[in-house]
Structures are given as structure tokens and as C-alpha cells.
Protein backbone atom coordinates (compact mmCIF):
# COMPACT_ATOMS: atom_id res chain seq x y z
CA MET A 1 0.06 0.00 -0.09
CA SER A 2 1.53 3.48 -1.02
CA LYS A 3 2.04 6.19 1.45
CA ILE A 4 -0.70 8.49 0.06
CA THR A 5 -3.18 5.59 0.21
CA LYS A 6 -2.46 5.15 3.79
CA ILE A 7 -2.75 8.59 4.60
CA PHE A 8 -6.00 8.91 2.68
CA LYS A 9 -7.38 5.87 4.75
CA LEU A 10 -6.17 7.69 7.87
CA ILE A 11 -8.22 10.83 7.07
CA ILE A 12 -11.39 8.76 6.25
CA LYS A 13 -11.09 6.75 9.27
CA ASN A 14 -10.56 9.40 11.80
CA GLN A 15 -13.76 9.85 14.01
CA TRP A 16 -14.61 12.53 16.42
CA VAL A 17 -15.50 11.80 20.00
CA ARG A 18 -18.54 13.32 21.47
CA LEU A 19 -17.55 15.65 24.22
CA GLY A 20 -20.71 17.14 25.58
CA ILE A 21 -21.76 16.14 29.07
CA ALA A 22 -25.50 15.71 29.76
CA THR A 23 -27.15 17.03 32.90
CA ILE A 24 -28.49 13.99 35.11
CA ILE A 25 -32.21 14.06 36.01
CA VAL A 26 -31.32 12.91 39.47
CA ALA A 27 -29.37 16.07 40.09
CA ILE A 28 -32.26 18.32 38.99
CA ILE A 29 -34.66 16.33 41.32
CA ALA A 30 -32.37 16.96 44.31
CA VAL A 31 -32.16 20.77 43.71
CA GLU A 32 -36.19 20.94 43.11
CA ALA A 33 -36.43 18.91 46.38
CA PHE A 34 -34.18 21.33 48.31
CA TYR A 35 -36.33 24.34 47.25
CA ILE A 36 -39.54 22.37 48.29
CA GLY A 37 -37.89 22.00 51.58
CA TYR A 38 -36.65 25.70 51.93
CA ASP A 39 -40.28 26.91 51.08
CA LYS A 40 -41.82 24.61 53.72
CA GLY A 41 -38.85 24.50 56.27
CA VAL A 42 -38.69 28.26 56.86
CA LYS A 43 -42.31 28.23 57.81
CA ASN A 44 -42.38 25.23 60.20
CA PRO A 45 -38.71 24.09 60.83
CA GLU A 46 -39.88 21.79 63.53
CA THR A 47 -41.70 19.31 61.31
CA VAL A 48 -39.99 19.12 57.88
CA LEU A 49 -39.37 15.48 56.18
CA ILE A 50 -38.28 15.53 52.93
CA ARG A 51 -38.92 12.35 50.54
CA GLY A 52 -35.85 12.36 48.65
CA VAL A 53 -34.77 10.56 45.53
CA ALA A 54 -35.02 6.70 44.97
CA ASN A 55 -32.69 4.49 47.09
CA MET A 56 -30.34 2.96 44.71
CA ASP A 57 -30.59 -0.43 46.51
CA ASP A 58 -34.22 -1.11 46.90
CA GLY A 59 -35.93 1.42 44.69
CA LYS A 60 -37.77 3.00 47.66
CA PRO A 61 -37.43 6.77 48.50
CA ASP A 62 -35.29 7.62 51.67
CA ALA A 63 -36.72 9.77 54.32
CA VAL A 64 -34.31 12.58 55.21
CA ASP A 65 -35.16 14.64 58.12
CA PHE A 66 -34.04 18.26 57.48
CA ASN A 67 -35.06 19.57 60.89
CA THR A 68 -31.58 20.55 61.88
CA PHE A 69 -30.75 22.34 58.70
CA TRP A 70 -34.16 24.46 58.78
CA GLN A 71 -33.44 25.30 62.66
CA SER A 72 -29.94 26.14 61.97
CA TRP A 73 -31.13 28.28 58.89
CA LYS A 74 -33.70 30.21 61.04
CA ILE A 75 -31.17 31.10 63.77
CA LEU A 76 -28.75 32.19 61.38
CA LYS A 77 -31.25 34.63 59.74
CA GLU A 78 -32.58 35.65 63.16
CA LYS A 79 -29.54 36.11 65.34
CA TYR A 80 -26.44 36.71 63.10
CA ILE A 81 -24.79 39.85 63.83
CA ASP A 82 -24.80 41.20 60.23
CA THR A 83 -28.06 39.45 59.25
CA GLY A 84 -28.57 42.30 56.65
CA LYS A 85 -25.51 41.11 54.75
CA ILE A 86 -26.94 37.46 54.36
CA ASP A 87 -27.70 36.50 51.07
CA ASN A 88 -30.03 33.43 50.64
CA GLN A 89 -28.67 32.14 47.44
CA THR A 90 -25.11 32.28 48.87
CA LEU A 91 -26.30 30.21 51.94
CA VAL A 92 -27.79 27.73 49.55
CA TYR A 93 -24.44 27.42 47.60
CA GLY A 94 -22.63 27.09 50.93
CA ALA A 95 -24.74 24.27 52.05
CA ILE A 96 -24.53 22.33 48.94
CA SER A 97 -20.84 22.85 49.03
CA GLY A 98 -20.89 21.22 52.56
CA LEU A 99 -22.80 18.32 51.31
CA PHE A 100 -20.03 17.81 48.90
CA ASP A 101 -17.17 18.38 51.33
CA SER A 102 -18.61 15.72 53.67
CA LEU A 103 -17.58 13.09 51.26
CA LYS A 104 -13.78 13.99 51.89
CA ASP A 105 -13.26 13.42 48.26
CA PRO A 106 -11.05 16.21 46.68
CA ASN A 107 -12.38 15.29 43.14
CA THR A 108 -16.08 15.58 44.04
CA VAL A 109 -17.12 19.24 44.26
CA PHE A 110 -19.65 21.76 43.76
CA MET A 111 -19.05 24.87 41.76
CA PRO A 112 -21.39 27.82 41.96
CA PRO A 113 -21.80 29.71 38.55
CA SER A 114 -18.78 31.98 39.06
CA ASP A 115 -16.39 29.02 39.89
CA ALA A 116 -18.06 26.96 37.14
CA LYS A 117 -17.22 29.61 34.55
CA LYS A 118 -13.77 29.70 35.70
CA PHE A 119 -13.40 25.81 35.37
CA ASN A 120 -15.10 26.15 31.88
CA GLU A 121 -12.53 28.77 30.80
CA GLU A 122 -9.53 26.52 31.97
CA ILE A 123 -10.56 23.40 30.16
CA SER A 124 -11.41 25.63 27.01
CA GLY A 125 -7.67 26.65 26.87
CA GLU A 126 -7.41 30.30 28.58
CA PHE A 127 -7.49 31.67 31.97
CA SER A 128 -5.71 34.38 34.42
CA GLY A 129 -3.29 32.66 36.95
CA VAL A 130 0.19 31.36 37.42
CA GLY A 131 -0.55 28.09 35.18
CA MET A 132 -0.27 24.85 37.05
CA GLU A 133 -2.51 21.87 37.92
CA ILE A 134 -3.09 21.14 41.51
CA GLY A 135 -4.37 18.19 43.53
CA ILE A 136 -4.32 16.40 47.09
CA ARG A 137 -2.10 13.68 47.69
CA ASN A 138 -1.65 12.25 51.33
CA GLU A 139 -4.02 15.05 52.34
CA GLN A 140 -1.76 17.67 51.46
CA LEU A 141 -1.70 20.14 48.59
CA VAL A 142 0.54 19.45 45.95
CA ILE A 143 1.45 20.44 42.33
CA ILE A 144 0.58 17.82 39.83
CA SER A 145 2.24 19.66 37.07
CA PRO A 146 3.11 23.16 35.92
CA LEU A 147 2.14 24.07 32.65
CA LYS A 148 4.57 24.92 29.63
CA ASP A 149 5.64 28.33 29.29
CA THR A 150 3.67 29.74 32.30
CA PRO A 151 4.68 31.92 35.27
CA ALA A 152 4.68 28.62 37.36
CA GLU A 153 7.12 26.84 35.14
CA GLN A 154 9.30 29.90 34.87
CA ALA A 155 9.45 30.33 38.63
CA GLY A 156 10.89 26.92 38.94
CA LEU A 157 7.94 25.14 40.49
CA LYS A 158 7.88 21.29 39.80
CA ALA A 159 5.72 18.31 39.85
CA GLY A 160 5.36 16.93 43.52
CA ASP A 161 6.03 20.21 45.29
CA LYS A 162 3.87 20.63 48.27
CA ILE A 163 2.05 23.97 48.76
CA ILE A 164 2.43 24.93 52.44
CA LYS A 165 0.86 28.42 52.15
CA ILE A 166 -0.89 30.38 49.76
CA ASP A 167 -0.26 34.05 50.56
CA ASP A 168 -0.86 34.29 54.34
CA LYS A 169 -3.17 31.15 54.18
CA VAL A 170 -2.01 27.60 55.45
CA SER A 171 -3.13 25.09 52.95
CA ILE A 172 -3.71 22.34 55.54
CA GLU A 173 -7.21 20.89 55.09
CA MET A 174 -7.81 23.40 52.13
CA ALA A 175 -9.92 21.97 49.26
CA VAL A 176 -8.43 22.27 45.65
CA ASP A 177 -11.05 24.50 44.58
CA GLU A 178 -10.56 26.96 47.32
CA ALA A 179 -6.95 27.16 46.60
CA VAL A 180 -7.57 27.64 42.89
CA LYS A 181 -9.78 30.57 43.79
CA ILE A 182 -6.90 32.23 46.11
CA ILE A 183 -3.92 31.39 43.40
CA ARG A 184 -5.87 32.76 40.41
CA GLY A 185 -6.38 36.58 39.93
CA PRO A 186 -6.06 39.52 37.69
CA ARG A 187 -3.17 39.81 35.35
CA GLY A 188 -0.11 41.47 36.64
CA THR A 189 -1.05 40.87 40.48
CA THR A 190 1.20 38.82 42.77
CA VAL A 191 0.61 35.48 44.55
CA VAL A 192 3.16 34.07 47.11
CA LEU A 193 3.41 30.44 47.36
CA THR A 194 5.30 28.62 50.23
CA ILE A 195 6.81 25.60 48.73
CA GLN A 196 8.27 22.34 50.41
CA ARG A 197 10.31 20.10 48.11
CA ASN A 198 11.67 16.67 48.87
CA GLY A 199 15.32 17.14 49.71
CA TRP A 200 14.93 20.78 51.15
CA SER A 201 15.58 21.30 54.77
CA GLU A 202 12.98 24.12 54.90
CA PRO A 203 10.28 25.54 52.73
CA LYS A 204 10.91 28.43 50.26
CA GLU A 205 8.69 31.26 49.17
CA PHE A 206 7.88 31.76 45.47
CA SER A 207 6.39 35.18 44.31
CA ILE A 208 4.73 34.65 41.30
CA VAL A 209 3.16 37.32 38.94
CA ARG A 210 -0.16 36.14 37.38
CA ASP A 211 -0.58 36.15 33.66
CA ILE A 212 -3.20 35.27 31.10
CA ILE A 213 -2.51 31.31 30.73
CA GLN A 214 -2.97 29.84 27.41
CA ILE A 215 -2.81 26.24 27.80
CA PRO A 216 -0.69 24.43 25.22
CA THR A 217 -1.98 21.14 23.71
CA ILE A 218 0.65 19.50 21.53
CA ASP A 219 4.30 20.05 20.43
CA PHE A 220 5.55 17.97 17.29
CA GLU A 221 8.85 17.65 15.69
CA MET A 222 10.92 15.11 13.88
CA LYS A 223 14.06 14.14 15.63
CA GLU A 224 17.10 12.64 14.38
CA ASP A 225 17.05 9.25 12.67
CA ASN A 226 13.50 10.14 11.35
CA ILE A 227 11.83 9.59 14.88
CA ALA A 228 8.61 11.47 15.32
CA TYR A 229 8.25 13.09 18.81
CA PHE A 230 4.79 14.10 20.22
CA HIS A 231 4.57 16.04 23.46
CA LEU A 232 1.01 16.18 24.59
CA TYR A 233 0.26 18.43 27.31
CA ASN A 234 -3.29 17.76 28.16
CA PHE A 235 -6.27 15.90 27.04
CA TYR A 236 -8.94 18.79 26.74
CA GLU A 237 -11.28 19.11 24.23
CA ASN A 238 -9.43 20.04 21.21
CA ALA A 239 -6.77 17.30 21.92
CA PRO A 240 -8.05 14.77 19.27
CA PHE A 241 -7.97 17.18 16.49
CA LEU A 242 -4.62 18.68 17.13
CA PHE A 243 -3.18 15.30 17.63
CA TYR A 244 -4.56 14.31 14.13
CA GLN A 245 -3.14 17.32 12.56
CA SER A 246 0.37 16.28 13.82
CA ALA A 247 -0.07 12.74 13.06
CA ILE A 248 -0.74 13.69 9.54
CA LYS A 249 2.42 15.65 9.25
CA ALA A 250 4.42 12.77 10.72
CA ALA A 251 2.73 10.21 8.48
CA MET A 252 3.92 12.23 5.48
CA GLN A 253 7.45 11.58 6.63
CA ASN A 254 7.14 8.06 7.27
CA PRO A 255 8.71 7.92 10.62
CA LYS A 256 10.77 4.95 11.80
CA GLY A 257 9.49 5.20 15.51
CA VAL A 258 7.54 7.40 17.69
CA ILE A 259 8.24 8.98 21.30
CA LEU A 260 4.90 10.06 22.94
CA ASP A 261 5.67 12.38 25.78
CA LEU A 262 3.12 12.45 28.35
CA ARG A 263 5.23 14.27 31.17
CA ASN A 264 3.57 16.90 33.14
CA ASN A 265 0.20 16.07 31.53
CA PRO A 266 -2.66 16.32 34.21
CA GLY A 267 -5.12 14.65 32.04
CA GLY A 268 -8.61 15.75 30.86
CA TYR A 269 -11.39 14.20 29.03
CA LEU A 270 -11.73 10.48 29.06
CA GLU A 271 -12.86 10.26 25.44
CA ALA A 272 -9.80 12.21 24.50
CA SER A 273 -7.45 9.42 25.54
CA VAL A 274 -9.39 6.66 24.27
CA ASN A 275 -9.36 8.62 20.86
CA LEU A 276 -5.63 8.93 21.03
CA ALA A 277 -5.16 5.25 22.01
CA GLY A 278 -6.77 4.40 18.67
CA TRP A 279 -3.83 5.75 17.02
CA PHE A 280 -1.59 3.15 18.59
CA LEU A 281 -3.80 0.07 19.01
CA GLU A 282 -5.74 -2.38 17.11
CA PRO A 283 -9.43 -1.37 16.68
CA GLY A 284 -11.38 -2.99 19.47
CA GLU A 285 -8.56 -3.49 21.79
CA LEU A 286 -9.39 -2.50 25.36
CA VAL A 287 -7.97 0.85 26.59
CA VAL A 288 -9.80 1.19 30.09
CA ALA A 289 -12.77 0.04 31.82
CA GLU A 290 -14.67 2.03 34.53
CA GLU A 291 -15.76 0.06 37.63
CA PHE A 292 -18.83 1.59 39.52
CA GLY A 293 -19.80 1.32 43.12
CA SER A 294 -22.31 -1.02 42.15
CA GLY A 295 -19.90 -3.47 40.56
CA LYS A 296 -20.96 -2.77 37.08
CA LYS A 297 -18.09 -2.23 34.59
CA GLU A 298 -18.12 -0.27 31.33
CA GLU A 299 -15.25 -0.90 28.84
CA PHE A 300 -13.76 1.57 26.31
CA ARG A 301 -12.26 0.22 23.27
CA ALA A 302 -9.76 1.64 20.67
CA ASN A 303 -11.83 2.99 17.66
CA ASN A 304 -9.49 4.97 15.59
CA SER A 305 -7.40 4.20 12.45
CA GLY A 306 -4.54 2.46 14.39
CA PHE A 307 -2.14 4.17 12.10
CA PHE A 308 0.84 3.72 14.33
CA LYS A 309 -0.09 0.27 15.76
CA ASP A 310 3.02 -1.31 14.15
CA SER A 311 5.38 1.44 14.68
CA PRO A 312 8.05 1.08 17.61
CA ILE A 313 7.08 3.41 20.32
CA VAL A 314 8.31 4.63 23.70
CA VAL A 315 6.38 6.64 26.28
CA LEU A 316 7.61 9.34 28.67
CA ILE A 317 6.05 9.93 31.99
CA ASN A 318 6.70 11.40 35.28
CA GLU A 319 5.11 12.61 38.71
CA GLY A 320 2.91 14.98 36.76
CA SER A 321 1.33 12.32 34.36
CA ALA A 322 -2.10 11.90 35.82
CA SER A 323 -5.72 10.90 34.84
CA ALA A 324 -6.01 10.41 31.18
CA SER A 325 -2.06 10.34 30.66
CA GLU A 326 -2.06 7.16 32.96
CA ILE A 327 -4.80 5.59 31.05
CA LEU A 328 -3.04 6.13 27.71
CA ALA A 329 0.39 4.92 28.95
CA GLY A 330 -1.25 1.84 30.89
CA ALA A 331 -3.19 1.06 27.72
CA LEU A 332 -0.16 1.01 25.58
CA ARG A 333 1.89 -0.84 28.07
CA ASP A 334 -0.70 -3.61 28.78
CA ASN A 335 -1.74 -4.15 25.16
CA ARG A 336 1.52 -3.83 23.37
CA GLY A 337 4.23 -4.03 25.94
CA ILE A 338 5.40 -0.47 25.10
CA LYS A 339 8.21 0.71 27.40
CA LEU A 340 7.58 3.55 29.94
CA ILE A 341 10.40 5.68 30.75
CA GLY A 342 10.82 8.57 33.49
CA LYS A 343 9.28 8.54 36.72
CA LYS A 344 6.29 6.95 38.59
CA SER A 345 3.04 8.71 37.50
CA PHE A 346 0.88 10.59 39.67
CA GLY A 347 -1.99 7.92 40.44
CA LYS A 348 -5.23 9.73 39.83
CA GLY A 349 -7.46 6.64 39.07
CA THR A 350 -11.02 7.93 39.41
CA VAL A 351 -13.68 8.83 36.90
CA GLN A 352 -15.46 12.28 37.39
CA GLU A 353 -18.50 13.46 35.52
CA LEU A 354 -19.25 16.96 35.04
CA GLU A 355 -23.06 17.86 35.63
CA ARG A 356 -24.13 21.47 34.45
CA LEU A 357 -27.08 22.61 36.68
CA ARG A 358 -29.93 25.10 35.53
CA ASP A 359 -28.47 28.20 37.30
CA GLY A 360 -24.99 28.03 35.88
CA SER A 361 -23.61 25.81 38.46
CA SER A 362 -21.85 22.58 38.07
CA ILE A 363 -21.11 19.53 39.92
CA LYS A 364 -17.94 17.55 39.32
CA ILE A 365 -18.51 14.11 40.86
CA THR A 366 -16.51 11.02 41.36
CA VAL A 367 -18.35 8.14 39.73
CA ALA A 368 -16.02 5.24 39.08
CA HIS A 369 -12.47 3.82 39.25
CA TRP A 370 -10.34 3.17 36.22
CA LEU A 371 -9.23 -0.22 35.65
CA MET A 372 -6.32 -0.94 33.10
CA PRO A 373 -6.50 -3.48 30.70
CA ASN A 374 -4.61 -6.13 32.79
CA GLY A 375 -7.19 -5.29 35.59
CA GLY A 376 -4.82 -3.15 37.74
CA LEU A 377 -6.04 0.07 39.51
CA ILE A 378 -4.28 3.28 38.72
CA GLU A 379 -5.32 5.14 41.80
CA LYS A 380 -2.79 6.02 44.47
CA ASN A 381 -0.16 3.38 43.29
CA GLY A 382 0.44 5.18 39.84
CA ILE A 383 2.43 3.48 37.06
CA ALA A 384 5.81 2.63 37.42
CA PRO A 385 8.16 3.13 34.36
CA ASP A 386 10.17 0.18 32.81
CA TYR A 387 13.39 2.64 32.95
CA GLU A 388 13.27 5.16 36.10
CA VAL A 389 15.45 8.07 35.06
CA ASN A 390 15.93 11.34 37.19
CA ILE A 391 16.28 14.76 36.22
CA THR A 392 18.76 16.71 38.67
CA GLU A 393 18.90 20.54 39.19
CA GLU A 394 22.23 20.37 37.38
CA ASP A 395 20.50 18.72 34.38
CA VAL A 396 17.89 21.43 34.22
CA LYS A 397 20.54 24.24 34.54
CA ALA A 398 22.65 22.69 31.67
CA GLY A 399 19.47 22.18 29.50
CA ARG A 400 19.83 18.42 29.50
CA ASP A 401 16.94 16.06 29.43
CA PRO A 402 18.24 12.53 30.41
CA GLN A 403 14.68 11.01 30.45
CA LEU A 404 14.41 12.06 26.57
CA GLU A 405 17.73 11.04 25.75
CA LYS A 406 16.91 7.50 27.56
CA ALA A 407 13.91 7.40 25.38
CA MET A 408 15.83 7.98 22.15
CA GLU A 409 18.27 5.45 23.16
CA VAL A 410 15.62 2.72 23.98
CA LEU A 411 13.69 3.50 20.72
CA LYS A 412 16.69 3.19 18.56
CA GLN A 413 17.22 -0.27 19.79
CA LEU A 414 13.75 -1.12 19.12
CA ILE A 415 13.81 0.07 15.60
CA THR A 416 17.29 -1.74 14.82
CA THR A 417 15.67 -4.99 16.37
CA ASN A 418 12.71 -4.67 14.00
CA GLN A 419 14.61 -4.26 10.77
């Protein structure tokens, strides 16, 4: 088959993954039930009993006693010193946030309209801040990854850094969404982060000037010996199309092998990772499975062209590789035995769904665990590389990248073996 024919087939077979997320009826019912309770509860807080949504086990509605809630609401409205400043809608949002906070799951959060707008701006590719993905690890606020060419990266922040304080606020027990609110701000303003890094005897302060963050998605270049190098920075909504464009460029040059760089890629949409896996796997091969609390499993299989399925490939990962990055790396390792190079990945192995509510609020909720094709869990443990390679401070200062150098070495050996 000629190269032009293969490229034509590649274009014809490329399929888009639907990225829209529908609003769950249960969420709407829950919100409506709350407002029914509000109307009745403020009038008679002693006797309110709400019949909630159906119990998932036996199909019968749960009886929920809201007496304490409405008593607290009434006392707050009557006796708080600045009762005239109380906004009812703010109280409602605060109550819903408390509902989600009670689960102690940093990935399950309620976002009122203002926060939901900021979140949507981030996943669409632009916002004002310092440019880093943060999360919770062992109950500590940490940097998952600084984004390329952002104030965070330029200041020297690294994946795995612990955030001890944000300005004058201690981060102990601080939720991720609360930290994001404080770190973000108008362009040109400064935020001070107190950072503890492994190997440091004491924390250090970083003063970082906020800027407009334009999130990069992919870099592509042809390296020596005709090796295609893809550096993917996220799995946001435009990732499949941008990778498709880069893959076409690579295909025109008939590469001998591929390096897929997923370092400091914090993830994104599940559908995007499944789409990209389809470039490297046989159609129909298992990419990942979702395991729900009920025990039900849903499988996601490769459904793209498989254009690189026979190409020698190595994958780069590190502590900042999380979520969808781990799904893609695990799928390639389990299905094809592809070698992983770098450092152990972050270990973010749960599935979140984003539900948009009618008033502009959003709910991001953990619904399942991810299972790799071999049945292993990603959560907490992360994915260990086949070749562990460190990058030292001296390497950074000298502009060296030992992990990429090792990837080139391993890939060249594979290419030689396959000839």
C-alpha cells in the first residue's frame, strides 16, 4: 500500500469523540427537592421531612429529616450580627458545598456559577493565573504539574512540590477549588506560594506574577534518525483534532519510530485519551474500563485508525502524568508491551463526571474507578516506568533532558531489532 493511500485511509477513518456532558435528572430532582424543603422549612422548621430520590438498592425513597438544617437556617437569619448582609442564594450554595465536602473526596466538588465559569475557561484553554495543575496527595495540597511556558514553570515550580501556604493562608485541609480561587487573580498581580520540596531542609517562598494562561496542547517535531516526537500537554476538548493534525504531518515523513511524551500532562477528557489510544492500538482493543460502586463495569475500546499500531514506540511519564495520561500509558503498556520511561506517575485513577445545573452551577463528581486492561488500579499507586530516570537540578541548569535521551536510546534499539 502506498504512503498516500495510507494517509488517505487515515483521514477517512478518523472519527470525532463526542465531548458534551448531559445534565443528570437526579441532580435536577435533588435541587427541586431542596427548594420545596426551603419553602416549607422556613415556615415550620420543627416538622420538615423530605422524601428524597429513590434509594439505589431497593428502589424506595429515603426519608431525610431536614429539621436541624432548617432550625440552623432560622437561627442564623434571626440572630447573626450582620443578618442584613446575608444572601439567601449564597447560603444555599454554601450548604450544597458542605454536602460535597462531607465526602472527603477532593475530586468531588460543587461549583457555583462563578467557579463553574472559571473551570470552563480553564478546560477551553485560557484563564488568568500562574499556570499549574494542583491536587491532593496524602491529604496535602501538591502541584501535579506546572504548565509549559507559564509563570509557574518559569518560577521553577515542579511536579510533586507541596504547597504549604498561599499568601498568608495555610493550606492544611484546604480544598483544591478553594486553593484555585486564591491562586488565580487578575493579570499583573502577585501571589506568594510557600513550597516544600523533597530534599529541602525548609520551605521556600515563590512570588509569582499572574498572567493570562494559554494552555498548550501539543508539540510535534521530527527528531534525528526520522523519529516522530509528540509532546502532549493535556487531553482537553481540542486534543484529538490537534493530535490528528500532527499525526498527518508525521505520516507524510514515514517515521521509523515514535516518542509519545506525556510528562506533566495532568489529563482531561476520558474520550480524548481513548481517541488517541486508537492511533496506537488495533481497533477493538481494550483501552480502559470504568468500575462503578455497584460493581458494574463499562469498557472503552480503541476505535481509531490504528495508524501507528505497528510502529516502534516508547512513552515518557513522570510525577505530573495523571488521569487520562495514565490511561493512555497503561493501555499501551498492557496491550503492546510498550516501554515507559521517566518517573512514577501521579496515581489519579478515579472517574469524574461534570454535571451542569440550570442556574449555571456545576457538579464534578467521582463516579467510578479506572481499571487498566490488565485489571490493575491506577489510583494512589500510579504507574511505574520500565526505565526510571531522574532529572537533577544540574541537568535543568545545563539544559539536559536525561529522560528524553533514554527514550531515544531505547527507541533506536527497538527500531534496530525490528529491521
